[in-house]
Amino acid sequence: MTSTSNKWYSSVTRYQWLVLVVASLGWIFDAFEGQIYNLTRADMLPDLLHVKADDPLVKLWGERFLGIFLIGGTFGGLLFSSLADKWGRNPVMALTILFYSVFSGITAFADQIWQVGALRFLVAMGVGGEWAVGAALVAEVFPKEARERAGGIFHATSVAGLWLAAAAGLWVGTEWRTAYLLGVAPALLVLWVRMSIKEPESWKAARESKKERMGSFSELLGDPRWRARAIFGAMLAMVGLATFWGVVIAGQDIAAEYLKSVKDPDWASKSKIAFGFIQTAGAGAGMLAFGPLSARWGCKKTFVIMHIAALIMTPIVCWVPAYFGSYTLLLVLLPLFGFFAQGIHAGYAAYFPALFPTHLRATGSGFCFNTGRILAAPVLIWLSAWLKSEYDTPTAVTCLGGFFLLGLVFLALLPETHGEELPE
């Protein structure tokens, strides 16, 4: 029997748990703000475009706004992650939470399509910035033996945000404006952030010795060691983000199309439950599993296994349930699909902060994750939008699932960080 002293959490202090809780809450609401759009766009877009729900414009603008969200996330992520290295983790985390909560609330008053696009861009700025700050903070505060698991837990808590969004979508029904008003609530978290989070000692030390280099993009991209990690990390994130917005969230569309084909009158609510709760439960399990698996195998090997499994699961979930005419089978497969296809995302929080030194940690992590957003945007704005407008959903999603294979190429060009101290 393993003694308590050998448990990974045995050396974790009360304050370190507090940091994980606060950072995770910011990420939970971050995920809520991103997902609430996916669950309300079927009502919001026809309303603002003044067309019927099945008009091709709805699908076209739906994919375009996903692309706009990725671009906004990139801009905000690069800006706020650099500021987090320059100003400190505490003030910038508070600022990013205010950004995404306030502008989400304002979306409730939009009455033209361009206003939604502008506000989604601003919401995305806060969403992109908060992740980098939270991931860097958790990595710096937790001890080496607990770092990968803590990073995995931090990212996995996004599932709670997806569930909150799913619950909000079901509660508001077609009243999409109410859902965005709920997005103001995270602003209350800012006070707790400001009162409870201290700047990590490693950041204070780095500021004293490397003040002029804190958050420097010129050093990040000018130093060959950090440049290679930043570029290939961004390409890895591109694969995960492109497949999330183009493939993972299509679980709701796959369920909806099947239910429509069998003329189920409750197809709208059932498809939201299938994606928002059932598939997301599997995704949460996958993200929680990433930390323990990477602690045993290393991040790179865990990434490889999950990418291969996601590549296999994508066509299975698209075609097999329809072939057998079984909605029950679809509900069984969706959590497995989510486990691998979305489980890889927890790896970014565990892996990216460990690639960079303290004075570039948030900047490097933010560059990887958010440059991945901008690289994924063309996939959604053009490729995904074109595939989903020209072909049926299973065919389009199967094609987009090929991106998981591309992720293996970028992993081969990145180092293993398992068991290493954070670079200084």
Protein backbone atom coordinates (compact mmCIF):
# COMPACT_ATOMS: atom_id res chain seq x y z
CA MET A 1 0.00 0.00 0.00
CA THR A 2 1.39 3.43 -0.96
CA SER A 3 2.07 5.69 1.98
CA THR A 4 0.56 9.14 2.17
CA SER A 5 4.03 10.69 1.92
CA ASN A 6 4.40 9.21 -1.56
CA LYS A 7 1.16 10.71 -2.85
CA TRP A 8 1.71 13.40 -5.47
CA TYR A 9 -0.30 15.90 -3.42
CA SER A 10 1.46 15.25 -0.10
CA SER A 11 3.72 18.29 -0.48
CA VAL A 12 1.03 20.65 -1.81
CA THR A 13 0.24 23.50 0.58
CA ARG A 14 -3.08 25.13 1.35
CA TYR A 15 -2.07 28.25 -0.56
CA GLN A 16 -1.10 26.21 -3.62
CA TRP A 17 -4.56 24.60 -3.61
CA LEU A 18 -6.06 28.10 -3.31
CA VAL A 19 -4.13 29.21 -6.39
CA LEU A 20 -5.42 26.19 -8.32
CA VAL A 21 -9.01 26.93 -7.27
CA VAL A 22 -8.85 30.63 -8.20
CA ALA A 23 -7.08 30.00 -11.52
CA SER A 24 -9.54 27.21 -12.32
CA LEU A 25 -12.56 29.39 -11.60
CA GLY A 26 -11.23 31.95 -14.04
CA TRP A 27 -10.82 29.20 -16.64
CA ILE A 28 -14.28 27.74 -15.89
CA PHE A 29 -15.95 31.05 -16.68
CA ASP A 30 -13.55 31.50 -19.58
CA ALA A 31 -14.92 28.25 -21.07
CA PHE A 32 -18.49 29.33 -20.28
CA GLU A 33 -18.07 32.54 -22.29
CA GLY A 34 -16.67 30.65 -25.26
CA GLN A 35 -19.25 27.86 -25.23
CA ILE A 36 -22.37 29.94 -24.64
CA TYR A 37 -22.11 31.14 -28.24
CA ASN A 38 -22.18 27.60 -29.62
CA LEU A 39 -25.33 26.84 -27.63
CA THR A 40 -27.19 30.04 -28.55
CA ARG A 41 -26.14 30.70 -32.14
CA ALA A 42 -28.97 28.60 -33.58
CA ASP A 43 -31.41 31.13 -32.08
CA MET A 44 -29.28 34.29 -32.15
CA LEU A 45 -28.08 34.22 -35.76
CA PRO A 46 -31.47 33.74 -37.49
CA ASP A 47 -32.84 36.48 -35.22
CA LEU A 48 -30.14 39.01 -36.15
CA LEU A 49 -29.86 37.96 -39.82
CA HIS A 50 -33.67 37.98 -40.21
CA VAL A 51 -33.67 34.60 -41.94
CA LYS A 52 -35.01 31.13 -41.20
CA ALA A 53 -33.02 28.75 -38.99
CA ASP A 54 -32.09 26.48 -41.92
CA ASP A 55 -30.87 29.32 -44.15
CA PRO A 56 -27.26 28.69 -45.37
CA LEU A 57 -26.30 32.14 -44.03
CA VAL A 58 -26.76 30.85 -40.48
CA LYS A 59 -24.16 28.12 -40.90
CA LEU A 60 -21.83 30.44 -42.82
CA TRP A 61 -21.90 33.21 -40.21
CA GLY A 62 -21.71 30.65 -37.44
CA GLU A 63 -18.33 29.43 -38.73
CA ARG A 64 -17.14 32.98 -39.42
CA PHE A 65 -17.81 34.04 -35.83
CA LEU A 66 -15.83 31.05 -34.60
CA GLY A 67 -12.94 32.31 -36.72
CA ILE A 68 -13.36 35.84 -35.36
CA PHE A 69 -13.32 34.40 -31.84
CA LEU A 70 -10.02 32.66 -32.53
CA ILE A 71 -8.49 35.86 -33.94
CA GLY A 72 -9.62 37.87 -30.91
CA GLY A 73 -8.27 35.18 -28.60
CA THR A 74 -4.92 35.35 -30.34
CA PHE A 75 -4.66 39.12 -30.06
CA GLY A 76 -5.73 39.18 -26.42
CA GLY A 77 -3.63 36.17 -25.54
CA LEU A 78 -0.45 37.68 -26.95
CA LEU A 79 -1.13 41.06 -25.36
CA PHE A 80 -2.17 39.90 -21.89
CA SER A 81 0.39 37.10 -21.60
CA SER A 82 3.21 39.57 -22.24
CA LEU A 83 1.69 41.99 -19.73
CA ALA A 84 1.47 39.16 -17.18
CA ASP A 85 5.25 38.74 -17.39
CA LYS A 86 5.76 42.52 -17.21
CA TRP A 87 3.14 43.57 -14.63
CA GLY A 88 2.54 40.36 -12.67
CA ARG A 89 0.07 37.47 -12.67
CA ASN A 90 -2.48 38.99 -10.27
CA PRO A 91 -3.48 42.26 -12.00
CA VAL A 92 -3.54 40.79 -15.48
CA MET A 93 -5.67 37.81 -14.47
CA ALA A 94 -8.19 40.22 -12.94
CA LEU A 95 -8.16 42.36 -16.09
CA THR A 96 -8.78 39.42 -18.42
CA ILE A 97 -11.74 38.21 -16.34
CA LEU A 98 -13.28 41.70 -16.49
CA PHE A 99 -12.76 41.76 -20.25
CA TYR A 100 -14.61 38.57 -21.05
CA SER A 101 -17.42 39.02 -18.52
CA VAL A 102 -18.30 42.64 -19.31
CA PHE A 103 -18.27 42.29 -23.09
CA SER A 104 -20.26 39.06 -22.90
CA GLY A 105 -22.94 40.89 -20.95
CA ILE A 106 -23.06 43.69 -23.52
CA THR A 107 -23.72 41.08 -26.24
CA ALA A 108 -27.23 40.72 -24.79
CA PHE A 109 -28.06 44.16 -26.22
CA ALA A 110 -26.74 43.57 -29.75
CA ASP A 111 -29.27 44.15 -32.53
CA GLN A 112 -27.03 43.88 -35.60
CA ILE A 113 -24.80 41.06 -36.78
CA TRP A 114 -21.61 43.17 -36.88
CA GLN A 115 -22.04 44.08 -33.22
CA VAL A 116 -21.95 40.41 -32.24
CA GLY A 117 -18.76 39.97 -34.26
CA ALA A 118 -17.08 42.93 -32.55
CA LEU A 119 -18.15 41.84 -29.08
CA ARG A 120 -17.11 38.22 -29.64
CA PHE A 121 -13.68 39.56 -30.61
CA LEU A 122 -13.43 41.48 -27.32
CA VAL A 123 -14.71 38.55 -25.25
CA ALA A 124 -12.11 36.36 -26.94
CA MET A 125 -9.35 38.79 -25.98
CA GLY A 126 -10.10 38.16 -22.31
CA VAL A 127 -10.56 34.44 -22.85
CA GLY A 128 -7.20 34.12 -24.63
CA GLY A 129 -5.35 36.13 -22.02
CA GLU A 130 -6.74 34.42 -18.93
CA TRP A 131 -5.59 30.94 -19.92
CA ALA A 132 -1.94 31.91 -20.31
CA VAL A 133 -1.84 33.71 -16.96
CA GLY A 134 -3.57 30.87 -15.12
CA ALA A 135 -1.41 28.15 -16.68
CA ALA A 136 1.83 30.01 -15.88
CA LEU A 137 0.72 30.76 -12.33
CA VAL A 138 -0.20 27.14 -11.55
CA ALA A 139 3.07 25.85 -13.03
CA GLU A 140 5.14 28.30 -10.97
CA VAL A 141 3.39 27.77 -7.66
CA PHE A 142 3.15 23.95 -7.61
CA PRO A 143 6.13 21.68 -6.83
CA LYS A 144 7.76 19.70 -9.66
CA GLU A 145 6.22 16.38 -8.67
CA ALA A 146 2.71 17.86 -8.76
CA ARG A 147 3.07 20.30 -11.66
CA GLU A 148 1.74 18.12 -14.51
CA ARG A 149 -1.24 16.91 -12.51
CA ALA A 150 -2.08 20.44 -11.31
CA GLY A 151 -1.85 21.77 -14.87
CA GLY A 152 -4.11 18.98 -16.08
CA ILE A 153 -6.65 19.66 -13.33
CA PHE A 154 -6.56 23.39 -14.12
CA HIS A 155 -7.41 22.83 -17.77
CA ALA A 156 -9.91 20.03 -17.05
CA THR A 157 -12.06 22.36 -14.97
CA SER A 158 -13.15 23.96 -18.23
CA VAL A 159 -15.66 21.10 -18.38
CA ALA A 160 -17.54 22.76 -15.53
CA GLY A 161 -17.77 25.86 -17.70
CA LEU A 162 -19.13 23.80 -20.58
CA TRP A 163 -21.71 22.23 -18.29
CA LEU A 164 -22.71 25.64 -16.94
CA ALA A 165 -23.11 26.88 -20.51
CA ALA A 166 -25.15 23.80 -21.45
CA ALA A 167 -27.38 24.29 -18.42
CA ALA A 168 -27.78 27.99 -19.24
CA GLY A 169 -28.63 27.13 -22.85
CA LEU A 170 -31.35 24.72 -21.75
CA TRP A 171 -32.67 27.14 -19.13
CA VAL A 172 -32.96 30.17 -21.42
CA GLY A 173 -34.33 28.19 -24.37
CA THR A 174 -34.68 30.53 -27.32
CA GLU A 175 -34.13 33.64 -25.17
CA TRP A 176 -30.48 33.92 -26.16
CA ARG A 177 -30.01 37.43 -24.74
CA THR A 178 -30.56 36.14 -21.21
CA ALA A 179 -27.69 33.68 -21.62
CA TYR A 180 -25.26 36.52 -22.35
CA LEU A 181 -26.47 38.53 -19.38
CA LEU A 182 -25.43 35.59 -17.21
CA GLY A 183 -21.92 36.11 -18.54
CA VAL A 184 -21.49 39.19 -16.35
CA ALA A 185 -21.34 37.03 -13.19
CA PRO A 186 -17.60 36.16 -13.43
CA ALA A 187 -16.75 39.83 -12.83
CA LEU A 188 -17.38 39.10 -9.15
CA LEU A 189 -14.36 36.77 -9.18
CA VAL A 190 -12.02 39.71 -9.76
CA LEU A 191 -12.17 40.87 -6.14
CA TRP A 192 -11.15 37.41 -4.88
CA VAL A 193 -8.27 37.28 -7.35
CA ARG A 194 -6.95 40.64 -6.20
CA MET A 195 -7.21 39.72 -2.51
CA SER A 196 -5.94 36.13 -2.49
CA ILE A 197 -3.23 35.72 -5.14
CA LYS A 198 0.38 36.67 -4.44
CA GLU A 199 3.00 37.00 -7.11
CA PRO A 200 5.20 33.85 -7.31
CA GLU A 201 8.70 34.19 -5.82
CA SER A 202 10.23 33.04 -9.11
CA TRP A 203 8.51 35.91 -10.91
CA LYS A 204 9.73 38.44 -8.32
CA ALA A 205 13.29 37.15 -8.70
CA ALA A 206 13.09 37.29 -12.47
CA ARG A 207 11.80 40.86 -12.37
CA GLU A 208 14.77 41.92 -10.25
CA SER A 209 17.39 40.36 -12.54
CA LYS A 210 15.73 40.57 -15.96
CA LYS A 211 13.43 43.58 -15.69
CA GLU A 212 14.00 44.82 -19.26
CA ARG A 213 13.52 41.34 -20.72
CA MET A 214 10.26 40.45 -18.98
CA GLY A 215 7.63 39.42 -21.52
CA SER A 216 9.92 40.17 -24.48
CA PHE A 217 8.66 38.79 -27.77
CA SER A 218 11.98 39.74 -29.38
CA GLU A 219 13.82 37.39 -26.99
CA LEU A 220 11.16 34.68 -27.28
CA LEU A 221 11.49 34.61 -31.06
CA GLY A 222 15.11 35.75 -31.26
CA ASP A 223 16.69 33.08 -29.07
CA PRO A 224 16.88 29.84 -31.12
CA ARG A 225 16.06 27.65 -28.12
CA TRP A 226 12.84 29.45 -27.19
CA ARG A 227 11.89 30.22 -30.81
CA ALA A 228 11.75 26.57 -31.84
CA ARG A 229 9.65 25.68 -28.80
CA ALA A 230 7.31 28.62 -29.40
CA ILE A 231 6.78 27.87 -33.09
CA PHE A 232 6.21 24.14 -32.82
CA GLY A 233 4.17 24.58 -29.64
CA ALA A 234 1.93 26.98 -31.56
CA MET A 235 1.54 24.47 -34.38
CA LEU A 236 0.59 21.77 -31.86
CA ALA A 237 -2.01 24.09 -30.33
CA MET A 238 -3.31 24.90 -33.81
CA VAL A 239 -4.16 21.25 -34.30
CA GLY A 240 -6.01 21.06 -30.99
CA LEU A 241 -7.93 24.30 -31.48
CA ALA A 242 -8.82 23.68 -35.11
CA THR A 243 -10.13 20.22 -34.25
CA PHE A 244 -11.97 21.50 -31.18
CA TRP A 245 -13.95 24.13 -33.07
CA GLY A 246 -14.22 22.15 -36.29
CA VAL A 247 -14.57 18.58 -34.98
CA VAL A 248 -15.27 18.30 -31.24
CA ILE A 249 -18.19 20.72 -31.06
CA ALA A 250 -19.68 18.98 -34.11
CA GLY A 251 -20.84 16.29 -31.68
CA GLN A 252 -23.97 18.40 -31.17
CA ASP A 253 -24.54 18.70 -34.93
CA ILE A 254 -24.03 14.95 -35.47
CA ALA A 255 -26.59 14.19 -32.76
CA ALA A 256 -29.02 16.80 -34.13
CA GLU A 257 -28.81 15.48 -37.69
CA TYR A 258 -29.43 11.93 -36.58
CA LEU A 259 -32.44 12.93 -34.44
CA LYS A 260 -33.86 14.99 -37.28
CA SER A 261 -33.50 12.02 -39.63
CA VAL A 262 -35.67 9.90 -37.33
CA LYS A 263 -38.09 12.84 -36.86
CA ASP A 264 -37.56 13.18 -33.12
CA PRO A 265 -39.56 16.27 -32.02
CA ASP A 266 -37.13 16.95 -29.16
CA TRP A 267 -34.03 16.95 -31.36
CA ALA A 268 -32.90 20.43 -30.25
CA SER A 269 -32.80 19.76 -26.50
CA LYS A 270 -31.57 16.16 -26.89
CA SER A 271 -28.65 17.20 -29.09
CA LYS A 272 -27.64 19.89 -26.56
CA ILE A 273 -27.70 17.28 -23.79
CA ALA A 274 -25.75 14.77 -25.91
CA PHE A 275 -22.96 17.27 -26.51
CA GLY A 276 -23.17 19.57 -23.52
CA PHE A 277 -23.36 16.87 -20.83
CA ILE A 278 -22.65 13.38 -22.19
CA GLN A 279 -19.79 14.09 -24.60
CA THR A 280 -18.40 16.74 -22.27
CA ALA A 281 -18.29 14.25 -19.40
CA GLY A 282 -15.95 12.12 -21.48
CA ALA A 283 -13.91 15.19 -22.37
CA GLY A 284 -13.58 16.05 -18.68
CA ALA A 285 -12.40 12.53 -17.89
CA GLY A 286 -9.85 12.77 -20.69
CA MET A 287 -8.47 16.08 -19.45
CA LEU A 288 -8.31 14.85 -15.86
CA ALA A 289 -6.52 11.72 -17.07
CA PHE A 290 -3.88 13.66 -19.00
CA GLY A 291 -2.00 14.76 -15.87
CA PRO A 292 -1.63 11.30 -14.28
CA LEU A 293 -0.81 9.74 -17.66
CA SER A 294 1.85 12.34 -18.43
CA ALA A 295 3.29 11.92 -14.92
CA ARG A 296 3.76 8.23 -15.78
CA TRP A 297 4.65 8.38 -19.49
CA GLY A 298 5.65 11.99 -20.14
CA CYS A 299 3.65 14.67 -21.95
CA LYS A 300 4.87 13.81 -25.44
CA LYS A 301 3.90 10.13 -25.32
CA THR A 302 0.52 10.98 -23.81
CA PHE A 303 -0.08 13.52 -26.58
CA VAL A 304 0.83 10.94 -29.24
CA ILE A 305 -1.53 8.28 -27.89
CA MET A 306 -4.44 10.72 -27.59
CA HIS A 307 -3.91 12.16 -31.08
CA ILE A 308 -3.92 8.70 -32.64
CA ALA A 309 -7.01 7.65 -30.68
CA ALA A 310 -8.82 10.87 -31.66
CA LEU A 311 -7.96 10.28 -35.31
CA ILE A 312 -9.57 6.83 -35.08
CA MET A 313 -12.61 7.90 -33.05
CA THR A 314 -13.64 10.78 -35.33
CA PRO A 315 -14.91 8.69 -38.30
CA ILE A 316 -16.32 6.09 -35.91
CA VAL A 317 -18.56 8.58 -34.13
CA CYS A 318 -19.54 10.19 -37.45
CA TRP A 319 -20.61 7.02 -39.27
CA VAL A 320 -21.08 3.96 -37.08
CA PRO A 321 -24.20 5.02 -35.07
CA ALA A 322 -25.99 6.13 -38.25
CA TYR A 323 -25.07 2.88 -39.99
CA PHE A 324 -26.59 0.81 -37.19
CA GLY A 325 -29.47 3.29 -36.67
CA SER A 326 -28.73 3.54 -32.97
CA TYR A 327 -28.90 6.78 -31.01
CA THR A 328 -27.92 4.80 -27.90
CA LEU A 329 -24.69 3.79 -29.61
CA LEU A 330 -24.00 7.44 -30.43
CA LEU A 331 -24.43 8.34 -26.75
CA VAL A 332 -21.95 5.61 -25.84
CA LEU A 333 -19.37 6.73 -28.40
CA LEU A 334 -19.56 10.50 -27.79
CA PRO A 335 -17.82 10.36 -24.37
CA LEU A 336 -15.00 8.22 -25.82
CA PHE A 337 -14.69 10.69 -28.68
CA GLY A 338 -14.53 13.59 -26.21
CA PHE A 339 -12.03 11.75 -23.97
CA PHE A 340 -9.36 11.71 -26.66
CA ALA A 341 -10.28 14.58 -29.00
CA GLN A 342 -10.65 17.13 -26.21
CA GLY A 343 -8.51 15.41 -23.58
CA ILE A 344 -5.37 16.62 -25.39
CA HIS A 345 -6.18 20.19 -24.36
CA ALA A 346 -5.18 19.59 -20.74
CA GLY A 347 -1.71 18.86 -22.04
CA TYR A 348 -1.23 22.46 -23.15
CA ALA A 349 -1.52 23.74 -19.58
CA ALA A 350 0.82 21.01 -18.31
CA TYR A 351 3.33 21.28 -21.16
CA PHE A 352 3.66 24.83 -22.50
CA PRO A 353 4.68 26.60 -19.23
CA ALA A 354 7.47 24.04 -18.76
CA LEU A 355 9.01 24.98 -22.13
CA PHE A 356 9.97 28.55 -21.17
CA PRO A 357 11.94 30.45 -18.49
CA THR A 358 10.18 32.51 -15.81
CA HIS A 359 10.58 35.88 -17.50
CA LEU A 360 8.99 34.47 -20.68
CA ARG A 361 6.69 31.82 -19.18
CA ALA A 362 3.31 33.49 -19.65
CA THR A 363 4.49 35.08 -22.90
CA GLY A 364 5.68 31.76 -24.32
CA SER A 365 2.63 29.83 -23.12
CA GLY A 366 0.34 32.51 -24.47
CA PHE A 367 2.20 32.61 -27.77
CA CYS A 368 1.82 28.84 -28.21
CA PHE A 369 -1.84 28.66 -27.29
CA ASN A 370 -2.97 31.87 -28.95
CA THR A 371 -0.87 31.75 -32.09
CA GLY A 372 -2.48 28.34 -32.38
CA ARG A 373 -5.80 30.19 -32.41
CA ILE A 374 -4.83 32.48 -35.29
CA LEU A 375 -3.40 29.56 -37.26
CA ALA A 376 -6.64 27.65 -36.66
CA ALA A 377 -8.81 30.57 -37.79
CA PRO A 378 -8.37 29.96 -41.56
CA VAL A 379 -9.36 26.34 -41.00
CA LEU A 380 -12.69 27.55 -39.64
CA ILE A 381 -13.27 30.66 -41.76
CA TRP A 382 -12.56 28.90 -45.04
CA LEU A 383 -11.93 25.17 -44.90
CA SER A 384 -14.45 24.17 -42.22
CA ALA A 385 -17.07 26.63 -43.48
CA TRP A 386 -16.63 25.36 -47.04
CA LEU A 387 -16.69 21.66 -46.10
CA LYS A 388 -19.76 22.04 -43.91
CA SER A 389 -21.64 24.04 -46.54
CA GLU A 390 -20.76 21.67 -49.41
CA TYR A 391 -20.94 18.29 -47.68
CA ASP A 392 -22.97 16.60 -44.98
CA THR A 393 -21.70 16.94 -41.41
CA PRO A 394 -20.18 13.41 -41.06
CA THR A 395 -18.15 13.82 -44.26
CA ALA A 396 -16.92 17.30 -43.35
CA VAL A 397 -16.01 16.35 -39.78
CA THR A 398 -14.20 13.19 -40.89
CA CYS A 399 -12.05 15.25 -43.25
CA LEU A 400 -11.25 17.81 -40.54
CA GLY A 401 -10.30 14.97 -38.19
CA GLY A 402 -7.22 14.43 -40.35
CA PHE A 403 -5.60 17.33 -38.49
CA PHE A 404 -4.96 14.99 -35.53
CA LEU A 405 -2.39 13.21 -37.71
CA LEU A 406 -0.61 16.51 -38.36
CA GLY A 407 -0.18 16.97 -34.62
CA LEU A 408 2.15 13.97 -34.49
CA VAL A 409 4.58 15.75 -36.81
CA PHE A 410 4.88 18.77 -34.51
CA LEU A 411 5.25 16.61 -31.40
CA ALA A 412 8.31 14.98 -32.97
CA LEU A 413 9.99 18.42 -33.05
CA LEU A 414 9.36 19.32 -29.39
CA PRO A 415 11.30 18.26 -26.26
CA GLU A 416 10.08 16.15 -23.34
CA THR A 417 9.79 18.13 -20.08
CA HIS A 418 8.75 15.32 -17.77
CA GLY A 419 10.76 15.28 -14.54
CA GLU A 420 12.62 18.50 -15.40
CA GLU A 421 12.77 21.67 -13.34
CA LEU A 422 11.16 24.74 -14.89
CA PRO A 423 13.68 26.72 -16.99
CA GLU A 424 14.95 29.86 -15.26
